Amino acid sequence: IARALAMQPKVMLFDEPTSALDPEMVKEVLDAIQDLAESGMTMIVVTH
């Protein structure tokens, strides 16, 4: 996520970003995405 943001995009696209993670790791990634949402980033998030 940090690497994608380093290019200063106007849009973030997430393709099931937590599907490869163990359950206990999912929340920390979703929290990071939620922080982005609250900052006003335009996003399309494919998610289960």
All heavy atoms as atom14 arrays in JSON, in Angstrom:
{
  "sequence": "IARALAMQPKVMLFDEPTSALDPEMVKEVLDAIQDLAESGMTMIVVTH",
  "atom14_mask": [
    [1, 1, 1, 1, 1, 1, 1, 1, 0, 0, 0, 0, 0, 0],
    [1, 1, 1, 1, 1, 0, 0, 0, 0, 0, 0, 0, 0, 0],
    [1, 1, 1, 1, 1, 1, 1, 1, 1, 1, 1, 0, 0, 0],
    [1, 1, 1, 1, 1, 0, 0, 0, 0, 0, 0, 0, 0, 0],
    [1, 1, 1, 1, 1, 1, 1, 1, 0, 0, 0, 0, 0, 0],
    [1, 1, 1, 1, 1, 0, 0, 0, 0, 0, 0, 0, 0, 0],
    [1, 1, 1, 1, 1, 1, 1, 1, 0, 0, 0, 0, 0, 0],
    [1, 1, 1, 1, 1, 1, 1, 1, 1, 0, 0, 0, 0, 0],
    [1, 1, 1, 1, 1, 1, 1, 0, 0, 0, 0, 0, 0, 0],
    [1, 1, 1, 1, 1, 1, 1, 1, 1, 0, 0, 0, 0, 0],
    [1, 1, 1, 1, 1, 1, 1, 0, 0, 0, 0, 0, 0, 0],
    [1, 1, 1, 1, 1, 1, 1, 1, 0, 0, 0, 0, 0, 0],
    [1, 1, 1, 1, 1, 1, 1, 1, 0, 0, 0, 0, 0, 0],
    [1, 1, 1, 1, 1, 1, 1, 1, 1, 1, 1, 0, 0, 0],
    [1, 1, 1, 1, 1, 1, 1, 1, 0, 0, 0, 0, 0, 0],
    [1, 1, 1, 1, 1, 1, 1, 1, 1, 0, 0, 0, 0, 0],
    [1, 1, 1, 1, 1, 1, 1, 0, 0, 0, 0, 0, 0, 0],
    [1, 1, 1, 1, 1, 1, 1, 0, 0, 0, 0, 0, 0, 0],
    [1, 1, 1, 1, 1, 1, 0, 0, 0, 0, 0, 0, 0, 0],
    [1, 1, 1, 1, 1, 0, 0, 0, 0, 0, 0, 0, 0, 0],
    [1, 1, 1, 1, 1, 1, 1, 1, 0, 0, 0, 0, 0, 0],
    [1, 1, 1, 1, 1, 1, 1, 1, 0, 0, 0, 0, 0, 0],
    [1, 1, 1, 1, 1, 1, 1, 0, 0, 0, 0, 0, 0, 0],
    [1, 1, 1, 1, 1, 1, 1, 1, 1, 0, 0, 0, 0, 0],
    [1, 1, 1, 1, 1, 1, 1, 1, 0, 0, 0, 0, 0, 0],
    [1, 1, 1, 1, 1, 1, 1, 0, 0, 0, 0, 0, 0, 0],
    [1, 1, 1, 1, 1, 1, 1, 1, 1, 0, 0, 0, 0, 0],
    [1, 1, 1, 1, 1, 1, 1, 1, 1, 0, 0, 0, 0, 0],
    [1, 1, 1, 1, 1, 1, 1, 0, 0, 0, 0, 0, 0, 0],
    [1, 1, 1, 1, 1, 1, 1, 1, 0, 0, 0, 0, 0, 0],
    [1, 1, 1, 1, 1, 1, 1, 1, 0, 0, 0, 0, 0, 0],
    [1, 1, 1, 1, 1, 0, 0, 0, 0, 0, 0, 0, 0, 0],
    [1, 1, 1, 1, 1, 1, 1, 1, 0, 0, 0, 0, 0, 0],
    [1, 1, 1, 1, 1, 1, 1, 1, 1, 0, 0, 0, 0, 0],
    [1, 1, 1, 1, 1, 1, 1, 1, 0, 0, 0, 0, 0, 0],
    [1, 1, 1, 1, 1, 1, 1, 1, 0, 0, 0, 0, 0, 0],
    [1, 1, 1, 1, 1, 0, 0, 0, 0, 0, 0, 0, 0, 0],
    [1, 1, 1, 1, 1, 1, 1, 1, 1, 0, 0, 0, 0, 0],
    [1, 1, 1, 1, 1, 1, 0, 0, 0, 0, 0, 0, 0, 0],
    [1, 1, 1, 1, 0, 0, 0, 0, 0, 0, 0, 0, 0, 0],
    [1, 1, 1, 1, 1, 1, 1, 1, 0, 0, 0, 0, 0, 0],
    [1, 1, 1, 1, 1, 1, 1, 0, 0, 0, 0, 0, 0, 0],
    [1, 1, 1, 1, 1, 1, 1, 1, 0, 0, 0, 0, 0, 0],
    [1, 1, 1, 1, 1, 1, 1, 1, 0, 0, 0, 0, 0, 0],
    [1, 1, 1, 1, 1, 1, 1, 0, 0, 0, 0, 0, 0, 0],
    [1, 1, 1, 1, 1, 1, 1, 0, 0, 0, 0, 0, 0, 0],
    [1, 1, 1, 1, 1, 1, 1, 0, 0, 0, 0, 0, 0, 0],
    [1, 1, 1, 1, 1, 1, 1, 1, 1, 1, 0, 0, 0, 0]
  ],
  "atom14_positions": [
    [[0.84, -1.2, 0.0], [0.0, 0.0, 0.0], [0.88, 1.25, 0.0], [0.64, 2.2, -0.77], [-0.94, -0.01, 1.21], [-1.97, -1.14, 1.08], [-1.66, 1.34, 1.36], [-2.81, -1.37, 2.33], [0.0, 0.0, 0.0], [0.0, 0.0, 0.0], [0.0, 0.0, 0.0], [0.0, 0.0, 0.0], [0.0, 0.0, 0.0], [0.0, 0.0, 0.0]],
    [[1.9, 1.26, 0.84], [2.81, 2.41, 0.9], [3.51, 2.61, -0.45], [3.68, 3.75, -0.9], [3.84, 2.21, 2.01], [0.0, 0.0, 0.0], [0.0, 0.0, 0.0], [0.0, 0.0, 0.0], [0.0, 0.0, 0.0], [0.0, 0.0, 0.0], [0.0, 0.0, 0.0], [0.0, 0.0, 0.0], [0.0, 0.0, 0.0], [0.0, 0.0, 0.0]],
    [[3.91, 1.52, -1.08], [4.57, 1.62, -2.39], [3.64, 2.25, -3.42], [4.07, 3.1, -4.21], [5.02, 0.23, -2.85], [5.72, 0.24, -4.21], [6.11, -1.15, -4.65], [4.95, -2.03, -4.76], [5.02, -3.31, -5.11], [6.21, -3.86, -5.34], [3.94, -4.05, -5.19], [0.0, 0.0, 0.0], [0.0, 0.0, 0.0], [0.0, 0.0, 0.0]],
    [[2.37, 1.84, -3.43], [1.42, 2.43, -4.37], [1.22, 3.91, -4.09], [1.17, 4.74, -5.0], [0.09, 1.68, -4.3], [0.0, 0.0, 0.0], [0.0, 0.0, 0.0], [0.0, 0.0, 0.0], [0.0, 0.0, 0.0], [0.0, 0.0, 0.0], [0.0, 0.0, 0.0], [0.0, 0.0, 0.0], [0.0, 0.0, 0.0], [0.0, 0.0, 0.0]],
    [[1.13, 4.27, -2.81], [0.91, 5.67, -2.44], [2.12, 6.55, -2.76], [1.98, 7.76, -2.97], [0.59, 5.77, -0.95], [-0.75, 5.21, -0.52], [-0.86, 5.22, 1.01], [-1.9, 5.99, -1.13], [0.0, 0.0, 0.0], [0.0, 0.0, 0.0], [0.0, 0.0, 0.0], [0.0, 0.0, 0.0], [0.0, 0.0, 0.0], [0.0, 0.0, 0.0]],
    [[3.3, 5.94, -2.82], [4.52, 6.71, -3.1], [4.49, 7.36, -4.48], [5.18, 8.34, -4.72], [5.74, 5.81, -2.97], [0.0, 0.0, 0.0], [0.0, 0.0, 0.0], [0.0, 0.0, 0.0], [0.0, 0.0, 0.0], [0.0, 0.0, 0.0], [0.0, 0.0, 0.0], [0.0, 0.0, 0.0], [0.0, 0.0, 0.0], [0.0, 0.0, 0.0]],
    [[3.68, 6.8, -5.38], [3.56, 7.38, -6.72], [2.53, 8.51, -6.77], [2.22, 9.02, -7.84], [3.21, 6.28, -7.72], [4.31, 5.24, -7.89], [5.85, 5.96, -8.48], [5.36, 6.4, -10.16], [0.0, 0.0, 0.0], [0.0, 0.0, 0.0], [0.0, 0.0, 0.0], [0.0, 0.0, 0.0], [0.0, 0.0, 0.0], [0.0, 0.0, 0.0]],
    [[2.0, 8.88, -5.6], [1.05, 9.98, -5.47], [-0.16, 9.84, -6.42], [-0.5, 10.74, -7.17], [1.76, 11.32, -5.71], [2.89, 11.57, -4.72], [3.68, 12.83, -5.02], [3.8, 13.26, -6.16], [4.2, 13.43, -3.97], [0.0, 0.0, 0.0], [0.0, 0.0, 0.0], [0.0, 0.0, 0.0], [0.0, 0.0, 0.0], [0.0, 0.0, 0.0]],
    [[-0.82, 8.69, -6.36], [-1.96, 8.47, -7.24], [-3.18, 9.26, -6.8], [-3.3, 9.65, -5.64], [-2.21, 6.96, -7.1], [-1.81, 6.68, -5.67], [-0.62, 7.56, -5.42], [0.0, 0.0, 0.0], [0.0, 0.0, 0.0], [0.0, 0.0, 0.0], [0.0, 0.0, 0.0], [0.0, 0.0, 0.0], [0.0, 0.0, 0.0], [0.0, 0.0, 0.0]],
    [[-4.09, 9.48, -7.72], [-5.37, 10.1, -7.39], [-6.43, 9.05, -7.08], [-7.47, 9.37, -6.53], [-5.83, 10.97, -8.56], [-4.93, 12.17, -8.82], [-5.46, 13.02, -9.96], [-4.56, 14.23, -10.2], [-5.05, 15.07, -11.32], [0.0, 0.0, 0.0], [0.0, 0.0, 0.0], [0.0, 0.0, 0.0], [0.0, 0.0, 0.0], [0.0, 0.0, 0.0]],
    [[-6.14, 7.8, -7.48], [-7.08, 6.7, -7.31], [-6.31, 5.5, -6.77], [-5.17, 5.25, -7.18], [-7.72, 6.31, -8.67], [-8.56, 5.05, -8.53], [-8.53, 7.45, -9.23], [0.0, 0.0, 0.0], [0.0, 0.0, 0.0], [0.0, 0.0, 0.0], [0.0, 0.0, 0.0], [0.0, 0.0, 0.0], [0.0, 0.0, 0.0], [0.0, 0.0, 0.0]],
    [[-6.93, 4.76, -5.85], [-6.37, 3.48, -5.4], [-7.32, 2.36, -5.77], [-8.52, 2.43, -5.5], [-6.11, 3.5, -3.9], [-4.9, 4.33, -3.49], [-3.31, 3.6, -3.97], [-3.19, 2.24, -2.8], [0.0, 0.0, 0.0], [0.0, 0.0, 0.0], [0.0, 0.0, 0.0], [0.0, 0.0, 0.0], [0.0, 0.0, 0.0], [0.0, 0.0, 0.0]],
    [[-6.77, 1.31, -6.36], [-7.52, 0.13, -6.74], [-7.01, -1.04, -5.91], [-5.81, -1.32, -5.91], [-7.35, -0.18, -8.23], [-7.63, 0.96, -9.2], [-7.23, 0.56, -10.62], [-9.1, 1.37, -9.15], [0.0, 0.0, 0.0], [0.0, 0.0, 0.0], [0.0, 0.0, 0.0], [0.0, 0.0, 0.0], [0.0, 0.0, 0.0], [0.0, 0.0, 0.0]],
    [[-7.91, -1.72, -5.22], [-7.53, -2.85, -4.37], [-8.23, -4.11, -4.89], [-9.45, -4.15, -4.98], [-7.95, -2.61, -2.92], [-7.19, -1.52, -2.22], [-7.65, -0.21, -2.27], [-6.03, -1.79, -1.53], [-6.96, 0.81, -1.62], [-5.33, -0.78, -0.89], [-5.79, 0.52, -0.94], [0.0, 0.0, 0.0], [0.0, 0.0, 0.0], [0.0, 0.0, 0.0]],
    [[-7.43, -5.11, -5.23], [-7.98, -6.36, -5.74], [-7.87, -7.44, -4.67], [-6.85, -8.11, -4.54], [-7.22, -6.8, -7.0], [-7.85, -8.02, -7.67], [-8.94, -8.44, -7.23], [-7.24, -8.55, -8.62], [0.0, 0.0, 0.0], [0.0, 0.0, 0.0], [0.0, 0.0, 0.0], [0.0, 0.0, 0.0], [0.0, 0.0, 0.0], [0.0, 0.0, 0.0]],
    [[-8.93, -7.56, -3.86], [-8.99, -8.54, -2.77], [-7.69, -8.53, -1.95], [-6.99, -9.54, -1.84], [-9.28, -9.93, -3.33], [-10.62, -10.0, -4.05], [-11.01, -11.41, -4.45], [-10.45, -12.37, -3.92], [-11.92, -11.54, -5.3], [0.0, 0.0, 0.0], [0.0, 0.0, 0.0], [0.0, 0.0, 0.0], [0.0, 0.0, 0.0], [0.0, 0.0, 0.0]],
    [[-7.37, -7.39, -1.35], [-6.08, -7.22, -0.7], [-5.86, -8.08, 0.54], [-4.72, -8.2, 1.01], [-6.07, -5.73, -0.32], [-7.52, -5.39, -0.19], [-8.21, -6.18, -1.25], [0.0, 0.0, 0.0], [0.0, 0.0, 0.0], [0.0, 0.0, 0.0], [0.0, 0.0, 0.0], [0.0, 0.0, 0.0], [0.0, 0.0, 0.0], [0.0, 0.0, 0.0]],
    [[-6.92, -8.69, 1.08], [-6.75, -9.51, 2.28], [-6.94, -11.0, 2.03], [-6.83, -11.8, 2.96], [-7.75, -9.08, 3.38], [-9.09, -9.27, 2.89], [-7.55, -7.63, 3.76], [0.0, 0.0, 0.0], [0.0, 0.0, 0.0], [0.0, 0.0, 0.0], [0.0, 0.0, 0.0], [0.0, 0.0, 0.0], [0.0, 0.0, 0.0], [0.0, 0.0, 0.0]],
    [[-7.2, -11.39, 0.79], [-7.57, -12.79, 0.53], [-6.4, -13.75, 0.73], [-6.62, -14.94, 0.97], [-8.12, -12.94, -0.89], [-7.13, -12.64, -1.85], [0.0, 0.0, 0.0], [0.0, 0.0, 0.0], [0.0, 0.0, 0.0], [0.0, 0.0, 0.0], [0.0, 0.0, 0.0], [0.0, 0.0, 0.0], [0.0, 0.0, 0.0], [0.0, 0.0, 0.0]],
    [[-5.16, -13.26, 0.65], [-4.0, -14.13, 0.83], [-3.47, -14.11, 2.26], [-2.43, -14.72, 2.54], [-2.88, -13.72, -0.14], [0.0, 0.0, 0.0], [0.0, 0.0, 0.0], [0.0, 0.0, 0.0], [0.0, 0.0, 0.0], [0.0, 0.0, 0.0], [0.0, 0.0, 0.0], [0.0, 0.0, 0.0], [0.0, 0.0, 0.0], [0.0, 0.0, 0.0]],
    [[-4.18, -13.45, 3.16], [-3.68, -13.25, 4.52], [-4.33, -14.21, 5.5], [-5.49, -14.61, 5.34], [-3.95, -11.82, 4.98], [-3.32, -10.7, 4.15], [-3.74, -9.34, 4.72], [-1.81, -10.82, 4.11], [0.0, 0.0, 0.0], [0.0, 0.0, 0.0], [0.0, 0.0, 0.0], [0.0, 0.0, 0.0], [0.0, 0.0, 0.0], [0.0, 0.0, 0.0]],
    [[-3.57, -14.55, 6.54], [-4.16, -15.28, 7.65], [-5.17, -14.37, 8.35], [-5.0, -13.13, 8.36], [-3.08, -15.7, 8.64], [-2.14, -16.74, 8.06], [-2.58, -17.49, 7.17], [-0.96, -16.78, 8.46], [0.0, 0.0, 0.0], [0.0, 0.0, 0.0], [0.0, 0.0, 0.0], [0.0, 0.0, 0.0], [0.0, 0.0, 0.0], [0.0, 0.0, 0.0]],
    [[-6.21, -14.93, 8.95], [-7.28, -14.11, 9.55], [-6.78, -13.05, 10.52], [-7.32, -11.93, 10.54], [-8.16, -15.14, 10.26], [-7.96, -16.4, 9.47], [-6.52, -16.37, 9.02], [0.0, 0.0, 0.0], [0.0, 0.0, 0.0], [0.0, 0.0, 0.0], [0.0, 0.0, 0.0], [0.0, 0.0, 0.0], [0.0, 0.0, 0.0], [0.0, 0.0, 0.0]],
    [[-5.76, -13.38, 11.33], [-5.32, -12.4, 12.32], [-4.61, -11.21, 11.7], [-4.37, -10.2, 12.36], [-4.41, -13.07, 13.36], [-3.08, -13.58, 12.83], [-3.14, -15.02, 12.33], [-4.27, -15.52, 12.09], [-2.07, -15.64, 12.18], [0.0, 0.0, 0.0], [0.0, 0.0, 0.0], [0.0, 0.0, 0.0], [0.0, 0.0, 0.0], [0.0, 0.0, 0.0]],
    [[-4.24, -11.32, 10.4], [-3.54, -10.21, 9.73], [-4.48, -9.33, 8.93], [-4.09, -8.28, 8.44], [-2.46, -10.77, 8.8], [-1.38, -11.56, 9.5], [-0.24, -12.27, 8.31], [0.78, -13.29, 9.39], [0.0, 0.0, 0.0], [0.0, 0.0, 0.0], [0.0, 0.0, 0.0], [0.0, 0.0, 0.0], [0.0, 0.0, 0.0], [0.0, 0.0, 0.0]],
    [[-5.72, -9.77, 8.76], [-6.65, -9.05, 7.9], [-6.96, -7.66, 8.45], [-6.95, -6.67, 7.71], [-7.96, -9.87, 7.73], [-9.05, -9.01, 7.08], [-7.69, -11.11, 6.9], [0.0, 0.0, 0.0], [0.0, 0.0, 0.0], [0.0, 0.0, 0.0], [0.0, 0.0, 0.0], [0.0, 0.0, 0.0], [0.0, 0.0, 0.0], [0.0, 0.0, 0.0]],
    [[-7.2, -7.56, 9.75], [-7.64, -6.3, 10.33], [-6.61, -5.19, 10.13], [-6.99, -4.04, 9.83], [-7.92, -6.47, 11.82], [-8.49, -5.2, 12.47], [-8.8, -5.4, 13.94], [-9.44, -4.15, 14.55], [-8.56, -2.96, 14.47], [0.0, 0.0, 0.0], [0.0, 0.0, 0.0], [0.0, 0.0, 0.0], [0.0, 0.0, 0.0], [0.0, 0.0, 0.0]],
    [[-5.32, -5.51, 10.28], [-4.31, -4.45, 10.17], [-4.28, -3.87, 8.76], [-4.05, -2.66, 8.58], [-2.93, -4.98, 10.57], [-2.37, -6.1, 9.72], [-1.16, -6.77, 10.35], [-1.25, -7.21, 11.52], [-0.15, -6.85, 9.65], [0.0, 0.0, 0.0], [0.0, 0.0, 0.0], [0.0, 0.0, 0.0], [0.0, 0.0, 0.0], [0.0, 0.0, 0.0]],
    [[-4.53, -4.69, 7.75], [-4.57, -4.19, 6.38], [-5.84, -3.4, 6.13], [-5.82, -2.31, 5.55], [-4.44, -5.35, 5.38], [-4.64, -4.86, 3.94], [-3.07, -6.02, 5.52], [0.0, 0.0, 0.0], [0.0, 0.0, 0.0], [0.0, 0.0, 0.0], [0.0, 0.0, 0.0], [0.0, 0.0, 0.0], [0.0, 0.0, 0.0], [0.0, 0.0, 0.0]],
    [[-6.97, -3.9, 6.6], [-8.24, -3.17, 6.44], [-8.2, -1.84, 7.17], [-8.76, -0.84, 6.7], [-9.41, -4.02, 6.93], [-9.7, -5.29, 6.12], [-10.9, -6.02, 6.7], [-9.92, -4.98, 4.64], [0.0, 0.0, 0.0], [0.0, 0.0, 0.0], [0.0, 0.0, 0.0], [0.0, 0.0, 0.0], [0.0, 0.0, 0.0], [0.0, 0.0, 0.0]],
    [[-7.54, -1.8, 8.33], [-7.4, -0.53, 9.06], [-6.62, 0.49, 8.22], [-6.97, 1.68, 8.2], [-6.7, -0.75, 10.4], [-7.61, -1.4, 11.43], [-8.83, -1.46, 11.2], [-7.09, -1.85, 12.47], [0.0, 0.0, 0.0], [0.0, 0.0, 0.0], [0.0, 0.0, 0.0], [0.0, 0.0, 0.0], [0.0, 0.0, 0.0], [0.0, 0.0, 0.0]],
    [[-5.57, 0.02, 7.54], [-4.77, 0.93, 6.71], [-5.6, 1.46, 5.55], [-5.52, 2.65, 5.19], [-3.53, 0.2, 6.18], [0.0, 0.0, 0.0], [0.0, 0.0, 0.0], [0.0, 0.0, 0.0], [0.0, 0.0, 0.0], [0.0, 0.0, 0.0], [0.0, 0.0, 0.0], [0.0, 0.0, 0.0], [0.0, 0.0, 0.0], [0.0, 0.0, 0.0]],
    [[-6.44, 0.59, 4.96], [-7.3, 1.03, 3.86], [-8.36, 2.0, 4.37], [-8.69, 2.99, 3.71], [-7.94, -0.19, 3.17], [-6.84, -1.09, 2.57], [-8.89, 0.25, 2.06], [-7.36, -2.41, 2.03], [0.0, 0.0, 0.0], [0.0, 0.0, 0.0], [0.0, 0.0, 0.0], [0.0, 0.0, 0.0], [0.0, 0.0, 0.0], [0.0, 0.0, 0.0]],
    [[-8.91, 1.72, 5.55], [-9.91, 2.61, 6.12], [-9.32, 3.99, 6.4], [-9.98, 5.01, 6.18], [-10.5, 2.02, 7.4], [-11.63, 2.86, 7.97], [-12.46, 2.12, 9.0], [-12.22, 0.96, 9.28], [-13.45, 2.79, 9.57], [0.0, 0.0, 0.0], [0.0, 0.0, 0.0], [0.0, 0.0, 0.0], [0.0, 0.0, 0.0], [0.0, 0.0, 0.0]],
    [[-8.08, 4.04, 6.87], [-7.42, 5.33, 7.08], [-7.33, 6.11, 5.77], [-7.52, 7.34, 5.75], [-6.02, 5.12, 7.66], [-6.04, 4.68, 9.11], [-7.1, 4.8, 9.76], [-5.0, 4.19, 9.6], [0.0, 0.0, 0.0], [0.0, 0.0, 0.0], [0.0, 0.0, 0.0], [0.0, 0.0, 0.0], [0.0, 0.0, 0.0], [0.0, 0.0, 0.0]],
    [[-7.04, 5.4, 4.68], [-6.98, 6.05, 3.36], [-8.35, 6.61, 2.98], [-8.46, 7.73, 2.48], [-6.56, 5.04, 2.3], [-5.07, 4.84, 2.03], [-4.9, 3.84, 0.9], [-4.41, 6.15, 1.68], [0.0, 0.0, 0.0], [0.0, 0.0, 0.0], [0.0, 0.0, 0.0], [0.0, 0.0, 0.0], [0.0, 0.0, 0.0], [0.0, 0.0, 0.0]],
    [[-9.38, 5.82, 3.22], [-10.74, 6.27, 2.9], [-11.08, 7.54, 3.67], [-11.64, 8.48, 3.11], [-11.74, 5.16, 3.23], [0.0, 0.0, 0.0], [0.0, 0.0, 0.0], [0.0, 0.0, 0.0], [0.0, 0.0, 0.0], [0.0, 0.0, 0.0], [0.0, 0.0, 0.0], [0.0, 0.0, 0.0], [0.0, 0.0, 0.0], [0.0, 0.0, 0.0]],
    [[-10.71, 7.57, 4.93], [-11.02, 8.73, 5.75], [-10.23, 9.97, 5.35], [-10.63, 11.09, 5.64], [-10.77, 8.39, 7.23], [-11.79, 7.36, 7.76], [-11.44, 6.83, 9.14], [-10.35, 7.19, 9.65], [-12.24, 6.06, 9.7], [0.0, 0.0, 0.0], [0.0, 0.0, 0.0], [0.0, 0.0, 0.0], [0.0, 0.0, 0.0], [0.0, 0.0, 0.0]],
    [[-9.11, 9.75, 4.64], [-8.3, 10.87, 4.17], [-8.84, 11.47, 2.87], [-8.35, 12.5, 2.41], [-6.85, 10.43, 3.96], [-6.72, 9.65, 2.77], [0.0, 0.0, 0.0], [0.0, 0.0, 0.0], [0.0, 0.0, 0.0], [0.0, 0.0, 0.0], [0.0, 0.0, 0.0], [0.0, 0.0, 0.0], [0.0, 0.0, 0.0], [0.0, 0.0, 0.0]],
    [[-9.84, 10.8, 2.26], [-10.45, 11.34, 1.05], [-9.94, 10.72, -0.24], [-10.23, 11.24, -1.33], [0.0, 0.0, 0.0], [0.0, 0.0, 0.0], [0.0, 0.0, 0.0], [0.0, 0.0, 0.0], [0.0, 0.0, 0.0], [0.0, 0.0, 0.0], [0.0, 0.0, 0.0], [0.0, 0.0, 0.0], [0.0, 0.0, 0.0], [0.0, 0.0, 0.0]],
    [[-9.2, 9.62, -0.16], [-8.72, 8.96, -1.37], [-9.88, 8.3, -2.12], [-10.73, 7.65, -1.51], [-7.68, 7.9, -1.0], [-7.16, 7.07, -2.18], [-6.21, 8.01, -3.39], [-4.66, 8.25, -2.47], [0.0, 0.0, 0.0], [0.0, 0.0, 0.0], [0.0, 0.0, 0.0], [0.0, 0.0, 0.0], [0.0, 0.0, 0.0], [0.0, 0.0, 0.0]],
    [[-9.91, 8.48, -3.42], [-10.88, 7.78, -4.26], [-10.44, 6.33, -4.39], [-9.29, 6.05, -4.74], [-10.95, 8.42, -5.65], [-11.23, 9.82, -5.52], [-12.02, 7.76, -6.51], [0.0, 0.0, 0.0], [0.0, 0.0, 0.0], [0.0, 0.0, 0.0], [0.0, 0.0, 0.0], [0.0, 0.0, 0.0], [0.0, 0.0, 0.0], [0.0, 0.0, 0.0]],
    [[-11.37, 5.39, -4.15], [-10.96, 3.99, -4.15], [-12.05, 3.08, -4.71], [-13.24, 3.3, -4.5], [-10.62, 3.52, -2.72], [-9.48, 4.28, -2.08], [-8.86, 3.46, -0.59], [-10.22, 3.72, 0.53], [0.0, 0.0, 0.0], [0.0, 0.0, 0.0], [0.0, 0.0, 0.0], [0.0, 0.0, 0.0], [0.0, 0.0, 0.0], [0.0, 0.0, 0.0]],
    [[-11.59, 2.04, -5.42], [-12.43, 0.88, -5.72], [-11.78, -0.3, -5.02], [-10.59, -0.58, -5.22], [-12.53, 0.6, -7.22], [-13.12, 1.79, -7.98], [-13.39, -0.64, -7.48], [-13.2, 1.58, -9.49], [0.0, 0.0, 0.0], [0.0, 0.0, 0.0], [0.0, 0.0, 0.0], [0.0, 0.0, 0.0], [0.0, 0.0, 0.0], [0.0, 0.0, 0.0]],
    [[-12.54, -0.98, -4.17], [-12.01, -2.08, -3.38], [-12.81, -3.34, -3.69], [-14.0, -3.42, -3.37], [-12.09, -1.78, -1.86], [-11.42, -2.91, -1.07], [-11.44, -0.44, -1.54], [0.0, 0.0, 0.0], [0.0, 0.0, 0.0], [0.0, 0.0, 0.0], [0.0, 0.0, 0.0], [0.0, 0.0, 0.0], [0.0, 0.0, 0.0], [0.0, 0.0, 0.0]],
    [[-12.17, -4.3, -4.33], [-12.79, -5.62, -4.51], [-12.51, -6.41, -3.24], [-11.34, -6.58, -2.84], [-12.2, -6.35, -5.73], [-12.72, -7.78, -5.81], [-12.54, -5.6, -7.01], [0.0, 0.0, 0.0], [0.0, 0.0, 0.0], [0.0, 0.0, 0.0], [0.0, 0.0, 0.0], [0.0, 0.0, 0.0], [0.0, 0.0, 0.0], [0.0, 0.0, 0.0]],
    [[-13.56, -6.88, -2.59], [-13.36, -7.5, -1.29], [-14.43, -8.54, -0.99], [-15.54, -8.49, -1.52], [-13.36, -6.44, -0.17], [-13.1, -7.06, 1.09], [-14.69, -5.7, -0.09], [0.0, 0.0, 0.0], [0.0, 0.0, 0.0], [0.0, 0.0, 0.0], [0.0, 0.0, 0.0], [0.0, 0.0, 0.0], [0.0, 0.0, 0.0], [0.0, 0.0, 0.0]],
    [[-14.05, -9.51, -0.14], [-15.01, -10.46, 0.42], [-15.35, -10.12, 1.86], [-16.1, -10.85, 2.51], [-14.44, -11.89, 0.36], [-14.34, -12.43, -1.03], [-15.43, -12.58, -1.85], [-13.28, -12.86, -1.75], [-15.05, -13.09, -3.01], [-13.75, -13.25, -2.98], [0.0, 0.0, 0.0], [0.0, 0.0, 0.0], [0.0, 0.0, 0.0], [0.0, 0.0, 0.0]]
  ]
}
